[in-house]
Amino acid sequence: MAPLLSLLAALLVVSYGPGGSLGCDLPLDHVDIGRENFMLLDQMSSVSPALCLEDRKDFRFPQDTVDRSQAQEAQAVSVLYELLRQTSRLFLSARCPAAWNATLLAQLRSGLHRQLEDLHGCVGAAASALGRQDPTLPVRSYFLRLRLYLGQKRYSDCAWEVVRVDVRRSLSSSAKLQERLGRKDGDLGSP
């Protein structure tokens, strides 16, 4: 229950999105969409994690990238957008397990797409502020590791369960960064 609550809290924070100096205005329903996405991701479990213990793997989510990006709003926006983009891309795969509820999967895909659309303008402003820096490379590498793992495991139901749980964990672990982005004053430097 605790992981679900932390996940819902993380989604709620991400849903508020950046509102500080980058001038991003998010729709009022952005929070509700984010909440729904986390609940859907939680409900999509089709295999007991206990049955997949031998398939577990540490994909090395780049927590240090998330932590470092807290200092600069533009980096934070870019990292969070990339996290949502890669999550969406992963779950758009035609190789998602047939055991997953197709309706839940379609709703998750739609919700992620809407969140990405909401944040798209923020990313443009962030990219201008960043110049040539690319703080999203570790996030992209993380998702590449997930996709390679799925291929190595031949997209088995257990492999998808392990990946689904890890993606939930990665979204949850970025909650502190998301919380800072949700502050109205845009001051990322204060605790």
N, C-alpha and C. Protein backbone atom coordinates (compact mmCIF):
# COMPACT_ATOMS: atom_id res chain seq x y z
N MET A 1 0.81 -1.19 0.00
CA MET A 1 0.00 0.00 0.00
C MET A 1 0.85 1.26 0.00
N ALA A 2 1.99 1.23 0.73
CA ALA A 2 2.87 2.39 0.80
C ALA A 2 3.43 2.76 -0.57
N PRO A 3 3.87 1.77 -1.39
CA PRO A 3 4.37 2.15 -2.72
C PRO A 3 3.29 2.80 -3.56
N LEU A 4 2.05 2.32 -3.46
CA LEU A 4 0.96 2.91 -4.22
C LEU A 4 0.73 4.36 -3.79
N LEU A 5 0.75 4.61 -2.49
CA LEU A 5 0.55 5.97 -2.00
C LEU A 5 1.66 6.90 -2.44
N SER A 6 2.92 6.42 -2.38
CA SER A 6 4.02 7.27 -2.82
C SER A 6 3.94 7.53 -4.31
N LEU A 7 3.47 6.54 -5.05
CA LEU A 7 3.31 6.70 -6.49
C LEU A 7 2.23 7.73 -6.79
N LEU A 8 1.12 7.62 -6.07
CA LEU A 8 0.04 8.59 -6.27
C LEU A 8 0.49 9.99 -5.90
N ALA A 9 1.28 10.09 -4.84
CA ALA A 9 1.80 11.40 -4.44
C ALA A 9 2.72 11.96 -5.52
N ALA A 10 3.56 11.10 -6.07
CA ALA A 10 4.49 11.54 -7.12
C ALA A 10 3.71 12.01 -8.35
N LEU A 11 2.68 11.27 -8.71
CA LEU A 11 1.88 11.65 -9.87
C LEU A 11 1.20 12.98 -9.63
N LEU A 12 0.66 13.14 -8.45
CA LEU A 12 -0.01 14.38 -8.12
C LEU A 12 0.94 15.56 -8.27
N VAL A 13 2.16 15.40 -7.79
CA VAL A 13 3.14 16.48 -7.87
C VAL A 13 3.52 16.75 -9.31
N VAL A 14 3.77 15.68 -10.10
CA VAL A 14 4.12 15.85 -11.50
C VAL A 14 3.00 16.52 -12.25
N SER A 15 1.78 16.21 -11.86
CA SER A 15 0.63 16.74 -12.55
C SER A 15 0.50 18.25 -12.42
N TYR A 16 1.01 18.79 -11.32
CA TYR A 16 0.99 20.23 -11.18
C TYR A 16 1.93 20.87 -12.18
N GLY A 17 3.00 20.18 -12.50
CA GLY A 17 3.93 20.64 -13.50
C GLY A 17 4.63 21.92 -13.12
N PRO A 18 5.56 22.33 -13.99
CA PRO A 18 6.31 23.53 -13.71
C PRO A 18 5.45 24.77 -13.86
N GLY A 19 5.53 25.64 -12.91
CA GLY A 19 4.74 26.85 -13.01
C GLY A 19 5.57 28.08 -12.74
N GLY A 20 6.85 27.91 -12.59
CA GLY A 20 7.73 29.00 -12.21
C GLY A 20 8.17 29.84 -13.38
N SER A 21 9.47 30.07 -13.48
CA SER A 21 10.03 31.05 -14.40
C SER A 21 9.94 30.65 -15.86
N LEU A 22 9.64 29.41 -16.19
CA LEU A 22 9.53 29.03 -17.59
C LEU A 22 8.16 29.40 -18.16
N GLY A 23 7.25 29.82 -17.32
CA GLY A 23 5.96 30.30 -17.79
C GLY A 23 5.06 29.22 -18.38
N CYS A 24 5.01 28.08 -17.77
CA CYS A 24 4.19 26.98 -18.26
C CYS A 24 2.82 27.03 -17.60
N ASP A 25 1.79 27.02 -18.42
CA ASP A 25 0.43 26.97 -17.90
C ASP A 25 -0.16 25.62 -18.27
N LEU A 26 -0.48 24.83 -17.25
CA LEU A 26 -1.03 23.50 -17.48
C LEU A 26 -2.54 23.53 -17.29
N PRO A 27 -3.26 22.70 -18.05
CA PRO A 27 -4.72 22.65 -17.91
C PRO A 27 -5.12 22.21 -16.50
N LEU A 28 -6.31 22.59 -16.10
CA LEU A 28 -6.79 22.26 -14.77
C LEU A 28 -6.93 20.75 -14.55
N ASP A 29 -7.21 19.99 -15.61
CA ASP A 29 -7.39 18.55 -15.45
C ASP A 29 -6.08 17.77 -15.51
N HIS A 30 -4.96 18.46 -15.62
CA HIS A 30 -3.66 17.79 -15.70
C HIS A 30 -3.40 16.93 -14.45
N VAL A 31 -3.81 17.41 -13.30
CA VAL A 31 -3.63 16.67 -12.04
C VAL A 31 -4.44 15.38 -12.07
N ASP A 32 -5.67 15.47 -12.51
CA ASP A 32 -6.52 14.28 -12.55
C ASP A 32 -5.98 13.23 -13.53
N ILE A 33 -5.46 13.67 -14.64
CA ILE A 33 -4.90 12.75 -15.63
C ILE A 33 -3.70 12.01 -15.04
N GLY A 34 -2.86 12.74 -14.36
CA GLY A 34 -1.69 12.12 -13.74
C GLY A 34 -2.08 11.10 -12.69
N ARG A 35 -3.05 11.42 -11.87
CA ARG A 35 -3.53 10.49 -10.86
C ARG A 35 -4.06 9.21 -11.51
N GLU A 36 -4.83 9.39 -12.55
CA GLU A 36 -5.38 8.24 -13.26
C GLU A 36 -4.27 7.38 -13.85
N ASN A 37 -3.25 8.00 -14.41
CA ASN A 37 -2.15 7.24 -15.01
C ASN A 37 -1.46 6.35 -13.97
N PHE A 38 -1.18 6.87 -12.80
CA PHE A 38 -0.54 6.05 -11.77
C PHE A 38 -1.45 4.91 -11.32
N MET A 39 -2.72 5.19 -11.16
CA MET A 39 -3.64 4.15 -10.75
C MET A 39 -3.74 3.07 -11.83
N LEU A 40 -3.76 3.49 -13.07
CA LEU A 40 -3.82 2.53 -14.18
C LEU A 40 -2.57 1.66 -14.21
N LEU A 41 -1.42 2.28 -14.04
CA LEU A 41 -0.17 1.54 -14.05
C LEU A 41 -0.15 0.52 -12.92
N ASP A 42 -0.70 0.89 -11.80
CA ASP A 42 -0.77 -0.03 -10.67
C ASP A 42 -1.73 -1.18 -10.96
N GLN A 43 -2.86 -0.89 -11.58
CA GLN A 43 -3.88 -1.90 -11.85
C GLN A 43 -3.48 -2.87 -12.97
N MET A 44 -2.50 -2.52 -13.75
CA MET A 44 -2.14 -3.34 -14.91
C MET A 44 -1.38 -4.62 -14.56
N SER A 45 -1.03 -4.81 -13.34
CA SER A 45 -0.31 -6.01 -12.95
C SER A 45 -1.13 -7.24 -13.31
N SER A 46 -0.53 -8.14 -14.07
CA SER A 46 -1.24 -9.36 -14.47
C SER A 46 -0.56 -10.61 -13.92
N VAL A 47 0.62 -10.44 -13.37
CA VAL A 47 1.39 -11.55 -12.83
C VAL A 47 1.81 -11.17 -11.42
N SER A 48 1.71 -12.09 -10.52
CA SER A 48 2.15 -11.82 -9.15
C SER A 48 3.65 -11.57 -9.15
N PRO A 49 4.11 -10.46 -8.57
CA PRO A 49 5.54 -10.20 -8.51
C PRO A 49 6.31 -11.34 -7.85
N ALA A 50 5.66 -12.07 -6.96
CA ALA A 50 6.33 -13.19 -6.29
C ALA A 50 6.72 -14.28 -7.29
N LEU A 51 5.97 -14.41 -8.36
CA LEU A 51 6.28 -15.42 -9.38
C LEU A 51 7.46 -15.00 -10.25
N CYS A 52 7.84 -13.74 -10.17
CA CYS A 52 8.87 -13.20 -11.07
C CYS A 52 10.16 -12.83 -10.34
N LEU A 53 10.35 -13.35 -9.14
CA LEU A 53 11.52 -12.97 -8.34
C LEU A 53 12.83 -13.27 -9.06
N GLU A 54 12.90 -14.38 -9.78
CA GLU A 54 14.16 -14.71 -10.45
C GLU A 54 14.42 -13.81 -11.66
N ASP A 55 13.41 -13.11 -12.11
CA ASP A 55 13.57 -12.20 -13.25
C ASP A 55 13.94 -10.78 -12.84
N ARG A 56 13.93 -10.50 -11.53
CA ARG A 56 14.23 -9.14 -11.07
C ARG A 56 15.61 -8.70 -11.51
N LYS A 57 15.74 -7.41 -11.73
CA LYS A 57 17.01 -6.84 -12.18
C LYS A 57 17.06 -5.38 -11.75
N ASP A 58 18.27 -4.90 -11.47
CA ASP A 58 18.46 -3.49 -11.15
C ASP A 58 18.81 -2.76 -12.45
N PHE A 59 17.90 -1.94 -12.92
CA PHE A 59 18.10 -1.23 -14.18
C PHE A 59 18.85 0.09 -13.99
N ARG A 60 19.23 0.38 -12.76
CA ARG A 60 20.02 1.56 -12.44
C ARG A 60 19.33 2.85 -12.92
N PHE A 61 18.16 3.11 -12.35
CA PHE A 61 17.50 4.37 -12.64
C PHE A 61 18.44 5.51 -12.26
N PRO A 62 18.61 6.49 -13.12
CA PRO A 62 19.58 7.57 -12.87
C PRO A 62 19.10 8.59 -11.83
N GLN A 63 18.99 8.14 -10.60
CA GLN A 63 18.53 9.02 -9.53
C GLN A 63 19.42 10.25 -9.38
N ASP A 64 20.73 10.08 -9.62
CA ASP A 64 21.64 11.22 -9.51
C ASP A 64 21.30 12.30 -10.53
N THR A 65 20.82 11.92 -11.69
CA THR A 65 20.40 12.89 -12.71
C THR A 65 19.19 13.67 -12.22
N VAL A 66 18.26 12.97 -11.62
CA VAL A 66 17.07 13.62 -11.08
C VAL A 66 17.48 14.56 -9.95
N ASP A 67 18.37 14.09 -9.07
CA ASP A 67 18.80 14.92 -7.96
C ASP A 67 19.56 16.16 -8.44
N ARG A 68 20.45 15.99 -9.40
CA ARG A 68 21.24 17.13 -9.93
C ARG A 68 20.36 18.15 -10.63
N SER A 69 19.32 17.67 -11.31
CA SER A 69 18.50 18.59 -12.09
C SER A 69 17.61 19.46 -11.22
N GLN A 70 17.58 19.19 -9.92
CA GLN A 70 16.76 20.01 -9.04
C GLN A 70 17.28 21.44 -8.95
N ALA A 71 18.53 21.63 -9.24
CA ALA A 71 19.12 22.96 -9.10
C ALA A 71 18.65 23.92 -10.18
N GLN A 72 18.27 23.40 -11.34
CA GLN A 72 17.89 24.26 -12.44
C GLN A 72 16.55 23.81 -13.01
N GLU A 73 15.62 24.72 -13.06
CA GLU A 73 14.27 24.39 -13.51
C GLU A 73 14.26 23.84 -14.93
N ALA A 74 15.04 24.40 -15.82
CA ALA A 74 15.06 23.94 -17.21
C ALA A 74 15.50 22.47 -17.29
N GLN A 75 16.52 22.11 -16.51
CA GLN A 75 16.96 20.71 -16.49
C GLN A 75 15.86 19.82 -15.93
N ALA A 76 15.23 20.26 -14.87
CA ALA A 76 14.18 19.48 -14.23
C ALA A 76 13.03 19.21 -15.19
N VAL A 77 12.60 20.22 -15.91
CA VAL A 77 11.52 20.07 -16.88
C VAL A 77 11.93 19.07 -17.96
N SER A 78 13.14 19.20 -18.46
CA SER A 78 13.61 18.30 -19.51
C SER A 78 13.66 16.85 -19.04
N VAL A 79 14.18 16.64 -17.84
CA VAL A 79 14.29 15.28 -17.30
C VAL A 79 12.91 14.68 -17.08
N LEU A 80 11.98 15.43 -16.51
CA LEU A 80 10.65 14.90 -16.26
C LEU A 80 9.89 14.65 -17.57
N TYR A 81 10.04 15.53 -18.52
CA TYR A 81 9.39 15.32 -19.81
C TYR A 81 9.93 14.05 -20.46
N GLU A 82 11.24 13.87 -20.42
CA GLU A 82 11.85 12.68 -21.02
C GLU A 82 11.39 11.42 -20.31
N LEU A 83 11.25 11.48 -19.00
CA LEU A 83 10.77 10.34 -18.23
C LEU A 83 9.36 9.95 -18.69
N LEU A 84 8.47 10.93 -18.84
CA LEU A 84 7.12 10.66 -19.33
C LEU A 84 7.12 10.18 -20.78
N ARG A 85 7.97 10.79 -21.59
CA ARG A 85 8.04 10.42 -23.01
C ARG A 85 8.50 8.98 -23.19
N GLN A 86 9.54 8.62 -22.47
CA GLN A 86 10.06 7.26 -22.57
C GLN A 86 9.08 6.25 -21.98
N THR A 87 8.39 6.62 -20.92
CA THR A 87 7.37 5.74 -20.35
C THR A 87 6.28 5.50 -21.38
N SER A 88 5.84 6.56 -22.02
CA SER A 88 4.81 6.44 -23.05
C SER A 88 5.30 5.56 -24.19
N ARG A 89 6.50 5.79 -24.63
CA ARG A 89 7.07 5.01 -25.73
C ARG A 89 7.14 3.52 -25.37
N LEU A 90 7.53 3.23 -24.15
CA LEU A 90 7.64 1.84 -23.69
C LEU A 90 6.28 1.15 -23.73
N PHE A 91 5.25 1.84 -23.23
CA PHE A 91 3.94 1.22 -23.17
C PHE A 91 3.15 1.33 -24.47
N LEU A 92 3.72 1.97 -25.47
CA LEU A 92 3.12 1.97 -26.81
C LEU A 92 3.56 0.75 -27.61
N SER A 93 4.48 -0.01 -27.06
CA SER A 93 5.01 -1.19 -27.74
C SER A 93 3.89 -2.17 -28.09
N ALA A 94 3.96 -2.70 -29.28
CA ALA A 94 2.99 -3.72 -29.71
C ALA A 94 3.22 -5.03 -28.96
N ARG A 95 4.34 -5.13 -28.25
CA ARG A 95 4.68 -6.36 -27.56
C ARG A 95 4.27 -6.37 -26.09
N CYS A 96 3.43 -5.43 -25.69
CA CYS A 96 2.92 -5.45 -24.33
C CYS A 96 2.17 -6.76 -24.12
N PRO A 97 2.17 -7.26 -22.91
CA PRO A 97 1.55 -8.57 -22.67
C PRO A 97 0.06 -8.60 -22.99
N ALA A 98 -0.34 -9.69 -23.61
CA ALA A 98 -1.77 -9.88 -23.91
C ALA A 98 -2.58 -10.00 -22.62
N ALA A 99 -1.93 -10.39 -21.54
CA ALA A 99 -2.63 -10.56 -20.26
C ALA A 99 -3.04 -9.23 -19.66
N TRP A 100 -2.43 -8.13 -20.11
CA TRP A 100 -2.82 -6.83 -19.59
C TRP A 100 -4.20 -6.47 -20.13
N ASN A 101 -4.96 -5.82 -19.31
CA ASN A 101 -6.28 -5.37 -19.71
C ASN A 101 -6.11 -4.29 -20.80
N ALA A 102 -6.66 -4.56 -21.98
CA ALA A 102 -6.48 -3.66 -23.13
C ALA A 102 -7.08 -2.28 -22.87
N THR A 103 -8.17 -2.24 -22.13
CA THR A 103 -8.80 -0.95 -21.82
C THR A 103 -7.90 -0.12 -20.91
N LEU A 104 -7.34 -0.75 -19.87
CA LEU A 104 -6.44 -0.03 -18.97
C LEU A 104 -5.21 0.47 -19.72
N LEU A 105 -4.66 -0.37 -20.58
CA LEU A 105 -3.48 0.01 -21.35
C LEU A 105 -3.80 1.19 -22.27
N ALA A 106 -4.93 1.15 -22.94
CA ALA A 106 -5.33 2.26 -23.82
C ALA A 106 -5.52 3.55 -23.03
N GLN A 107 -6.11 3.44 -21.84
CA GLN A 107 -6.31 4.63 -21.00
C GLN A 107 -4.97 5.19 -20.53
N LEU A 108 -4.03 4.31 -20.17
CA LEU A 108 -2.70 4.76 -19.75
C LEU A 108 -2.00 5.48 -20.90
N ARG A 109 -2.04 4.88 -22.06
CA ARG A 109 -1.40 5.50 -23.24
C ARG A 109 -2.00 6.87 -23.53
N SER A 110 -3.31 6.97 -23.46
CA SER A 110 -3.99 8.24 -23.71
C SER A 110 -3.61 9.29 -22.66
N GLY A 111 -3.59 8.88 -21.39
CA GLY A 111 -3.24 9.81 -20.32
C GLY A 111 -1.81 10.30 -20.43
N LEU A 112 -0.87 9.40 -20.73
CA LEU A 112 0.53 9.81 -20.91
C LEU A 112 0.65 10.79 -22.08
N HIS A 113 -0.07 10.50 -23.16
CA HIS A 113 -0.03 11.40 -24.33
C HIS A 113 -0.54 12.80 -23.96
N ARG A 114 -1.61 12.84 -23.20
CA ARG A 114 -2.16 14.15 -22.81
C ARG A 114 -1.18 14.90 -21.91
N GLN A 115 -0.54 14.19 -20.97
CA GLN A 115 0.44 14.85 -20.10
C GLN A 115 1.61 15.39 -20.91
N LEU A 116 2.05 14.62 -21.89
CA LEU A 116 3.15 15.07 -22.73
C LEU A 116 2.76 16.31 -23.54
N GLU A 117 1.55 16.30 -24.05
CA GLU A 117 1.07 17.48 -24.78
C GLU A 117 1.04 18.70 -23.86
N ASP A 118 0.58 18.50 -22.63
CA ASP A 118 0.52 19.60 -21.66
C ASP A 118 1.91 20.18 -21.40
N LEU A 119 2.92 19.31 -21.31
CA LEU A 119 4.28 19.75 -20.97
C LEU A 119 5.10 20.19 -22.17
N HIS A 120 4.58 19.97 -23.36
CA HIS A 120 5.36 20.23 -24.57
C HIS A 120 5.87 21.68 -24.64
N GLY A 121 5.04 22.64 -24.35
CA GLY A 121 5.47 24.03 -24.37
C GLY A 121 6.54 24.34 -23.34
N CYS A 122 6.46 23.66 -22.22
CA CYS A 122 7.46 23.86 -21.17
C CYS A 122 8.83 23.37 -21.63
N VAL A 123 8.83 22.28 -22.37
CA VAL A 123 10.09 21.70 -22.85
C VAL A 123 10.75 22.63 -23.86
N GLY A 124 9.97 23.28 -24.68
CA GLY A 124 10.54 24.23 -25.64
C GLY A 124 11.26 25.36 -24.93
N ALA A 125 10.63 25.90 -23.90
CA ALA A 125 11.26 26.97 -23.12
C ALA A 125 12.49 26.44 -22.39
N ALA A 126 12.40 25.21 -21.89
CA ALA A 126 13.53 24.61 -21.17
C ALA A 126 14.70 24.38 -22.10
N ALA A 127 14.41 23.90 -23.32
CA ALA A 127 15.48 23.64 -24.29
C ALA A 127 16.22 24.93 -24.63
N SER A 128 15.49 26.02 -24.75
CA SER A 128 16.14 27.30 -25.03
C SER A 128 17.05 27.70 -23.88
N ALA A 129 16.59 27.46 -22.67
CA ALA A 129 17.38 27.83 -21.49
C ALA A 129 18.61 26.94 -21.33
N LEU A 130 18.53 25.70 -21.79
CA LEU A 130 19.64 24.76 -21.62
C LEU A 130 20.74 24.91 -22.66
N GLY A 131 20.37 25.38 -23.84
CA GLY A 131 21.37 25.48 -24.90
C GLY A 131 21.80 24.10 -25.37
N ARG A 132 23.09 23.80 -25.29
CA ARG A 132 23.62 22.53 -25.80
C ARG A 132 23.62 21.41 -24.75
N GLN A 133 23.31 21.72 -23.52
CA GLN A 133 23.28 20.69 -22.47
C GLN A 133 22.16 19.69 -22.76
N ASP A 134 22.40 18.43 -22.43
CA ASP A 134 21.35 17.42 -22.54
C ASP A 134 21.30 16.59 -21.27
N PRO A 135 20.52 17.02 -20.30
CA PRO A 135 20.45 16.29 -19.04
C PRO A 135 19.62 15.01 -19.13
N THR A 136 19.03 14.73 -20.30
CA THR A 136 18.13 13.59 -20.42
C THR A 136 18.82 12.29 -20.87
N LEU A 137 20.09 12.35 -21.22
CA LEU A 137 20.79 11.15 -21.70
C LEU A 137 20.73 9.99 -20.71
N PRO A 138 20.97 10.19 -19.41
CA PRO A 138 20.85 9.06 -18.48
C PRO A 138 19.45 8.45 -18.42
N VAL A 139 18.43 9.27 -18.59
CA VAL A 139 17.06 8.75 -18.59
C VAL A 139 16.84 7.90 -19.84
N ARG A 140 17.30 8.38 -20.98
CA ARG A 140 17.17 7.59 -22.21
C ARG A 140 17.94 6.28 -22.11
N SER A 141 19.11 6.31 -21.49
CA SER A 141 19.91 5.09 -21.30
C SER A 141 19.19 4.09 -20.40
N TYR A 142 18.55 4.59 -19.37
CA TYR A 142 17.77 3.74 -18.46
C TYR A 142 16.68 3.01 -19.24
N PHE A 143 15.94 3.73 -20.05
CA PHE A 143 14.86 3.10 -20.80
C PHE A 143 15.39 2.16 -21.89
N LEU A 144 16.56 2.44 -22.41
CA LEU A 144 17.18 1.52 -23.35
C LEU A 144 17.49 0.19 -22.64
N ARG A 145 18.00 0.27 -21.41
CA ARG A 145 18.25 -0.94 -20.63
C ARG A 145 16.96 -1.73 -20.42
N LEU A 146 15.87 -1.03 -20.16
CA LEU A 146 14.59 -1.71 -19.99
C LEU A 146 14.18 -2.43 -21.27
N ARG A 147 14.30 -1.75 -22.41
CA ARG A 147 13.90 -2.36 -23.68
C ARG A 147 14.80 -3.55 -24.04
N LEU A 148 16.10 -3.42 -23.79
CA LEU A 148 17.02 -4.53 -24.06
C LEU A 148 16.68 -5.74 -23.19
N TYR A 149 16.38 -5.50 -21.93
CA TYR A 149 16.00 -6.57 -21.01
C TYR A 149 14.75 -7.29 -21.53
N LEU A 150 13.75 -6.51 -21.94
CA LEU A 150 12.53 -7.13 -22.46
C LEU A 150 12.83 -8.03 -23.65
N GLY A 151 13.71 -7.56 -24.54
CA GLY A 151 14.09 -8.36 -25.69
C GLY A 151 14.82 -9.63 -25.29
N GLN A 152 15.74 -9.50 -24.34
CA GLN A 152 16.48 -10.67 -23.86
C GLN A 152 15.55 -11.70 -23.23
N LYS A 153 14.53 -11.23 -22.57
CA LYS A 153 13.56 -12.13 -21.92
C LYS A 153 12.40 -12.48 -22.85
N ARG A 154 12.54 -12.12 -24.10
CA ARG A 154 11.53 -12.42 -25.13
C ARG A 154 10.14 -11.89 -24.76
N TYR A 155 10.14 -10.71 -24.15
CA TYR A 155 8.91 -9.99 -23.82
C TYR A 155 7.94 -10.86 -22.99
N SER A 156 8.50 -11.66 -22.11
CA SER A 156 7.67 -12.54 -21.26
C SER A 156 6.81 -11.70 -20.32
N ASP A 157 5.75 -12.32 -19.82
CA ASP A 157 4.88 -11.62 -18.87
C ASP A 157 5.65 -11.20 -17.62
N CYS A 158 6.56 -12.08 -17.15
CA CYS A 158 7.35 -11.74 -15.96
C CYS A 158 8.29 -10.57 -16.25
N ALA A 159 8.89 -10.56 -17.43
CA ALA A 159 9.78 -9.45 -17.79
C ALA A 159 9.00 -8.14 -17.81
N TRP A 160 7.81 -8.15 -18.37
CA TRP A 160 6.99 -6.95 -18.39
C TRP A 160 6.59 -6.52 -16.98
N GLU A 161 6.32 -7.50 -16.12
CA GLU A 161 5.96 -7.17 -14.73
C GLU A 161 7.13 -6.49 -14.03
N VAL A 162 8.33 -7.03 -14.23
CA VAL A 162 9.53 -6.45 -13.62
C VAL A 162 9.72 -5.01 -14.14
N VAL A 163 9.54 -4.81 -15.42
CA VAL A 163 9.70 -3.47 -16.02
C VAL A 163 8.61 -2.53 -15.52
N ARG A 164 7.38 -3.01 -15.46
CA ARG A 164 6.28 -2.17 -15.00
C ARG A 164 6.54 -1.68 -13.58
N VAL A 165 6.99 -2.58 -12.72
CA VAL A 165 7.29 -2.22 -11.33
C VAL A 165 8.46 -1.23 -11.28
N ASP A 166 9.47 -1.44 -12.10
CA ASP A 166 10.63 -0.54 -12.08
C ASP A 166 10.26 0.85 -12.59
N VAL A 167 9.41 0.92 -13.60
CA VAL A 167 8.97 2.23 -14.10
C VAL A 167 8.17 2.95 -13.02
N ARG A 168 7.32 2.22 -12.32
CA ARG A 168 6.59 2.83 -11.20
C ARG A 168 7.58 3.38 -10.18
N ARG A 169 8.60 2.61 -9.87
CA ARG A 169 9.61 3.04 -8.88
C ARG A 169 10.35 4.28 -9.38
N SER A 170 10.68 4.30 -10.65
CA SER A 170 11.42 5.46 -11.17
C SER A 170 10.58 6.73 -11.12
N LEU A 171 9.31 6.60 -11.43
CA LEU A 171 8.43 7.77 -11.33
C LEU A 171 8.27 8.21 -9.89
N SER A 172 8.19 7.26 -9.00
CA SER A 172 8.07 7.58 -7.58
C SER A 172 9.33 8.24 -7.05
N SER A 173 10.49 7.76 -7.49
CA SER A 173 11.75 8.29 -6.97
C SER A 173 12.02 9.71 -7.45
N SER A 174 11.34 10.14 -8.47
CA SER A 174 11.51 11.51 -8.95
C SER A 174 10.54 12.48 -8.27
N ALA A 175 9.84 12.00 -7.26
CA ALA A 175 8.82 12.82 -6.60
C ALA A 175 9.37 14.11 -6.01
N LYS A 176 10.58 14.06 -5.43
CA LYS A 176 11.14 15.27 -4.82
C LYS A 176 11.37 16.35 -5.88
N LEU A 177 11.89 15.94 -7.01
CA LEU A 177 12.09 16.88 -8.11
C LEU A 177 10.75 17.41 -8.59
N GLN A 178 9.79 16.53 -8.73
CA GLN A 178 8.47 16.94 -9.18
C GLN A 178 7.83 17.91 -8.19
N GLU A 179 8.07 17.66 -6.92
CA GLU A 179 7.53 18.53 -5.88
C GLU A 179 8.10 19.94 -6.02
N ARG A 180 9.38 20.02 -6.27
CA ARG A 180 10.01 21.34 -6.42
C ARG A 180 9.49 22.06 -7.66
N LEU A 181 9.27 21.32 -8.74
CA LEU A 181 8.74 21.95 -9.94
C LEU A 181 7.33 22.46 -9.74
N GLY A 182 6.58 21.82 -8.85
CA GLY A 182 5.21 22.22 -8.62
C GLY A 182 5.08 23.48 -7.81
N ARG A 183 6.16 23.95 -7.22
CA ARG A 183 6.09 25.19 -6.42
C ARG A 183 5.80 26.38 -7.31
N LYS A 184 4.93 27.19 -6.87
CA LYS A 184 4.50 28.33 -7.67
C LYS A 184 5.57 29.40 -7.82
N ASP A 185 6.47 29.52 -6.84
CA ASP A 185 7.45 30.60 -6.90
C ASP A 185 8.63 30.27 -7.80
N GLY A 186 8.74 29.01 -8.24
CA GLY A 186 9.82 28.65 -9.15
C GLY A 186 11.19 28.61 -8.49
N ASP A 187 11.25 28.73 -7.16
CA ASP A 187 12.53 28.72 -6.46
C ASP A 187 12.95 27.29 -6.20
N LEU A 188 13.83 26.76 -7.06
CA LEU A 188 14.27 25.38 -6.94
C LEU A 188 15.40 25.23 -5.94
N GLY A 189 15.95 26.30 -5.49
CA GLY A 189 17.10 26.23 -4.61
C GLY A 189 16.76 26.02 -3.14
N SER A 190 15.55 26.33 -2.76
CA SER A 190 15.19 26.17 -1.35
C SER A 190 14.72 24.75 -1.09
N PRO A 191 14.95 24.23 0.14
CA PRO A 191 14.57 22.87 0.47
C PRO A 191 13.08 22.65 0.55
